[in-house]
Amino acid sequence: MTAADPRPVLQIDIISDVVCPWCIVGFQQLDLALKQENVLARLRWHPFELNPNMPPDGQNLREHIMEKYGSTAEQSQLNRDRLTQLGAELGFAFNFNEDSRMVNTFAAHQLLDWAEAQGRQHPLKLALFKAYFTDQKDVSKVDVLLEAVAEAGLPVDAARSALESGAHVAAVRKKQEFWTSRGISGVPSMVFGGKYLVTGAQGTDTYAQILQRCLAEAA
């Protein structure tokens, strides 16, 4: 709360992975709810790896989904179509194709941890979502990650050094363990005001109701 803007600022912690389509859908829904309810929020992103054992070369996304969830090719396509339509309604472009791949995201999480200290974690997270889902880039590759760093307005050389040094490896592991030890097994998971946990992309109306409850309690 400031003299210029008397509205309280709500802390929202989002546990997510940059290759999770429902994480960007959930964020877009939350963003609409924040605007609709005229709420200021401090967003903090936390690491979660959907596939921590994914090899460096990754795996074809359709094959990965079919293998992991036992879905058919038809079900996989229906899910892609649903996400593409939902994304378009929320102002986000999913550009799936037959060559889309699931990749390892540990390096991306290290950069997000680094970017938090630079005050630019949120724009980097959005840049990574765009790189992976819209531009169909491999966000396990250093050059792709550094492109996102530049797009987020962060210093590329410092980001490269942060990755090469491994300075954020332990911190990311610790944060992952913190959330999994508290029962987080799926993403997106959002914690509102350190109090209310909501898992999955729950829709703008649901997020708006939670925001209203948080503000009422803070009043």
Protein backbone atom coordinates (compact mmCIF):
# COMPACT_ATOMS: atom_id res chain seq x y z
CA MET A 1 0.00 0.00 0.00
CA THR A 2 1.40 3.39 -0.97
CA ALA A 3 0.33 7.02 -0.73
CA ALA A 4 -0.02 7.07 -4.49
CA ASP A 5 -2.10 3.89 -4.61
CA PRO A 6 -3.97 2.93 -1.43
CA ARG A 7 -4.87 -0.55 -2.66
CA PRO A 8 -3.27 -3.42 -0.72
CA VAL A 9 -0.81 -5.60 -2.59
CA LEU A 10 -1.65 -9.30 -2.50
CA GLN A 11 1.18 -11.85 -2.54
CA ILE A 12 0.52 -14.69 -4.99
CA ASP A 13 2.97 -17.58 -5.20
CA ILE A 14 2.73 -19.69 -8.36
CA ILE A 15 4.38 -23.09 -8.53
CA SER A 16 4.78 -24.03 -12.19
CA ASP A 17 6.86 -25.31 -15.07
CA VAL A 18 7.52 -23.39 -18.29
CA VAL A 19 6.46 -26.40 -20.40
CA CYS A 20 3.11 -26.75 -18.64
CA PRO A 21 0.34 -25.39 -20.91
CA TRP A 22 -2.16 -25.14 -18.07
CA CYS A 23 0.30 -22.95 -16.16
CA ILE A 24 0.15 -20.19 -18.75
CA VAL A 25 -3.60 -20.69 -19.13
CA GLY A 26 -4.01 -20.37 -15.37
CA PHE A 27 -1.86 -17.26 -15.26
CA GLN A 28 -3.82 -15.61 -18.10
CA GLN A 29 -7.05 -16.36 -16.22
CA LEU A 30 -5.57 -14.95 -13.02
CA ASP A 31 -4.36 -11.85 -14.84
CA LEU A 32 -7.87 -11.20 -16.12
CA ALA A 33 -9.26 -11.64 -12.60
CA LEU A 34 -6.72 -9.19 -11.17
CA LYS A 35 -7.71 -6.58 -13.76
CA GLN A 36 -11.40 -7.29 -13.32
CA GLU A 37 -11.21 -6.90 -9.54
CA ASN A 38 -8.73 -3.98 -9.73
CA VAL A 39 -6.29 -5.79 -7.46
CA LEU A 40 -2.55 -5.21 -7.19
CA ALA A 41 -0.51 -8.38 -6.81
CA ARG A 42 3.10 -9.33 -6.18
CA LEU A 43 3.68 -12.47 -8.21
CA ARG A 44 6.44 -14.88 -7.32
CA TRP A 45 7.13 -17.95 -9.46
CA HIS A 46 8.45 -21.16 -7.93
CA PRO A 47 10.11 -24.14 -9.65
CA PHE A 48 8.44 -27.43 -10.49
CA GLU A 49 9.72 -29.90 -13.06
CA LEU A 50 7.08 -31.96 -14.81
CA ASN A 51 9.78 -34.25 -16.17
CA PRO A 52 12.97 -33.96 -14.10
CA ASN A 53 14.47 -37.03 -15.79
CA MET A 54 13.88 -35.81 -19.34
CA PRO A 55 17.11 -36.42 -21.32
CA PRO A 56 18.93 -33.56 -23.12
CA ASP A 57 17.41 -34.42 -26.50
CA GLY A 58 13.88 -34.32 -25.11
CA GLN A 59 11.01 -36.33 -26.59
CA ASN A 60 8.33 -35.77 -29.20
CA LEU A 61 5.51 -34.09 -27.30
CA ARG A 62 2.68 -36.23 -28.69
CA GLU A 63 4.62 -39.43 -27.99
CA HIS A 64 5.46 -38.17 -24.51
CA ILE A 65 1.85 -37.38 -23.63
CA MET A 66 0.60 -40.69 -24.98
CA GLU A 67 3.29 -42.57 -23.06
CA LYS A 68 2.93 -40.66 -19.79
CA TYR A 69 -0.86 -40.44 -19.59
CA GLY A 70 -1.91 -43.38 -21.74
CA SER A 71 -3.86 -41.16 -24.11
CA THR A 72 -4.54 -41.91 -27.74
CA ALA A 73 -3.38 -39.79 -30.67
CA GLU A 74 -6.97 -38.58 -31.07
CA GLN A 75 -7.21 -37.58 -27.41
CA SER A 76 -3.89 -35.80 -27.66
CA GLN A 77 -5.09 -33.82 -30.66
CA LEU A 78 -8.35 -32.92 -28.95
CA ASN A 79 -6.40 -31.61 -25.98
CA ARG A 80 -4.17 -29.53 -28.27
CA ASP A 81 -7.22 -28.12 -30.02
CA ARG A 82 -8.83 -27.27 -26.70
CA LEU A 83 -5.70 -25.54 -25.43
CA THR A 84 -5.26 -23.64 -28.70
CA GLN A 85 -8.82 -22.33 -28.55
CA LEU A 86 -8.63 -21.50 -24.85
CA GLY A 87 -5.30 -19.76 -25.35
CA ALA A 88 -6.69 -17.66 -28.18
CA GLU A 89 -9.62 -16.59 -25.98
CA LEU A 90 -7.13 -15.50 -23.31
CA GLY A 91 -4.76 -13.74 -25.72
CA PHE A 92 -2.05 -16.40 -25.81
CA ALA A 93 -0.97 -18.35 -28.90
CA PHE A 94 -0.30 -22.08 -28.71
CA ASN A 95 1.36 -23.19 -31.95
CA PHE A 96 1.62 -26.95 -31.53
CA ASN A 97 2.90 -29.00 -34.45
CA GLU A 98 4.03 -32.55 -35.14
CA ASP A 99 7.61 -31.67 -34.16
CA SER A 100 6.72 -30.12 -30.79
CA ARG A 101 8.94 -31.57 -28.08
CA MET A 102 8.91 -32.00 -24.33
CA VAL A 103 12.26 -30.84 -22.95
CA ASN A 104 14.20 -30.58 -19.71
CA THR A 105 13.57 -27.32 -17.83
CA PHE A 106 16.08 -27.32 -15.00
CA ALA A 107 18.30 -24.68 -16.62
CA ALA A 108 15.25 -22.47 -17.19
CA HIS A 109 14.37 -22.70 -13.49
CA GLN A 110 17.91 -21.71 -12.55
CA LEU A 111 17.60 -18.58 -14.66
CA LEU A 112 14.22 -17.77 -13.15
CA ASP A 113 15.77 -18.06 -9.69
CA TRP A 114 18.55 -15.72 -10.80
CA ALA A 115 16.07 -13.29 -12.37
CA GLU A 116 14.10 -12.98 -9.13
CA ALA A 117 17.06 -11.22 -7.53
CA GLN A 118 17.17 -8.88 -10.54
CA GLY A 119 13.51 -7.95 -10.09
CA ARG A 120 12.66 -9.33 -13.55
CA GLN A 121 11.47 -12.87 -12.83
CA HIS A 122 7.92 -12.31 -14.08
CA PRO A 123 8.82 -10.96 -17.54
CA LEU A 124 11.36 -13.78 -17.96
CA LYS A 125 8.72 -16.37 -17.08
CA LEU A 126 6.35 -14.95 -19.69
CA ALA A 127 9.15 -14.80 -22.26
CA LEU A 128 9.89 -18.48 -21.65
CA PHE A 129 6.22 -19.45 -22.03
CA LYS A 130 6.15 -17.59 -25.34
CA ALA A 131 9.41 -19.14 -26.53
CA TYR A 132 8.20 -22.66 -25.84
CA PHE A 133 4.53 -22.60 -26.74
CA THR A 134 4.22 -19.80 -29.29
CA ASP A 135 7.61 -19.87 -30.99
CA GLN A 136 8.10 -23.64 -30.55
CA LYS A 137 11.69 -23.22 -29.32
CA ASP A 138 13.69 -25.65 -27.21
CA VAL A 139 13.90 -23.98 -23.79
CA SER A 140 16.54 -26.45 -22.65
CA LYS A 141 19.04 -24.83 -25.04
CA VAL A 142 21.26 -22.07 -23.66
CA ASP A 143 20.93 -19.84 -26.72
CA VAL A 144 17.12 -19.98 -26.50
CA LEU A 145 17.20 -19.23 -22.80
CA LEU A 146 19.47 -16.25 -23.35
CA GLU A 147 17.15 -14.92 -26.06
CA ALA A 148 14.36 -14.97 -23.49
CA VAL A 149 16.67 -13.25 -20.99
CA ALA A 150 17.28 -10.43 -23.49
CA GLU A 151 13.56 -10.17 -24.26
CA ALA A 152 12.90 -9.79 -20.53
CA GLY A 153 15.35 -6.89 -20.36
CA LEU A 154 18.00 -8.75 -18.39
CA PRO A 155 21.80 -8.77 -18.95
CA VAL A 156 22.70 -11.73 -21.13
CA ASP A 157 26.33 -12.08 -20.01
CA ALA A 158 25.31 -12.17 -16.35
CA ALA A 159 22.66 -14.79 -17.13
CA ARG A 160 25.19 -16.94 -18.96
CA SER A 161 27.56 -16.69 -15.99
CA ALA A 162 24.75 -17.67 -13.60
CA LEU A 163 24.12 -20.82 -15.63
CA GLU A 164 27.75 -21.76 -16.18
CA SER A 165 28.64 -21.31 -12.52
CA GLY A 166 25.80 -23.49 -11.27
CA ALA A 167 25.23 -20.87 -8.59
CA HIS A 168 21.48 -21.45 -8.51
CA VAL A 169 21.38 -25.24 -8.69
CA ALA A 170 21.13 -25.77 -4.93
CA ALA A 171 18.56 -23.00 -4.47
CA VAL A 172 16.28 -24.43 -7.15
CA ARG A 173 16.53 -27.94 -5.71
CA LYS A 174 15.73 -26.61 -2.25
CA LYS A 175 12.67 -24.73 -3.50
CA GLN A 176 11.44 -27.76 -5.42
CA GLU A 177 11.79 -29.91 -2.31
CA PHE A 178 10.01 -27.29 -0.20
CA TRP A 179 6.88 -27.39 -2.33
CA THR A 180 6.79 -31.14 -2.96
CA SER A 181 7.22 -31.73 0.79
CA ARG A 182 4.06 -29.71 1.26
CA GLY A 183 2.05 -31.90 -1.06
CA ILE A 184 2.40 -30.06 -4.35
CA SER A 185 2.32 -32.76 -7.03
CA GLY A 186 0.70 -30.91 -9.92
CA VAL A 187 0.85 -27.49 -11.50
CA PRO A 188 -0.17 -24.76 -11.68
CA SER A 189 -0.57 -24.44 -7.93
CA MET A 190 -1.23 -20.95 -6.62
CA VAL A 191 -1.04 -19.75 -3.03
CA PHE A 192 -2.99 -16.56 -2.35
CA GLY A 193 -1.82 -14.40 0.52
CA GLY A 194 0.12 -17.30 2.00
CA LYS A 195 -3.20 -18.86 2.93
CA TYR A 196 -5.31 -20.27 0.11
CA LEU A 197 -3.97 -22.99 -2.19
CA VAL A 198 -5.61 -23.50 -5.57
CA THR A 199 -4.41 -26.21 -7.93
CA GLY A 200 -5.04 -26.31 -11.67
CA ALA A 201 -6.23 -23.60 -14.05
CA GLN A 202 -9.50 -22.81 -12.28
CA GLY A 203 -10.88 -20.00 -14.43
CA THR A 204 -11.19 -16.25 -14.11
CA ASP A 205 -14.37 -16.34 -12.02
CA THR A 206 -12.87 -18.67 -9.42
CA TYR A 207 -9.74 -16.56 -9.13
CA ALA A 208 -11.87 -13.43 -8.81
CA GLN A 209 -13.78 -14.98 -5.90
CA ILE A 210 -10.53 -15.86 -4.13
CA LEU A 211 -9.21 -12.34 -4.66
CA GLN A 212 -12.40 -10.89 -3.20
CA ARG A 213 -12.09 -13.14 -0.13
CA CYS A 214 -8.45 -12.16 0.42
CA LEU A 215 -9.24 -8.47 0.13
CA ALA A 216 -12.24 -8.74 2.46
CA GLU A 217 -10.07 -10.40 5.09
CA ALA A 218 -7.36 -7.76 4.68
CA ALA A 219 -9.80 -4.88 5.04
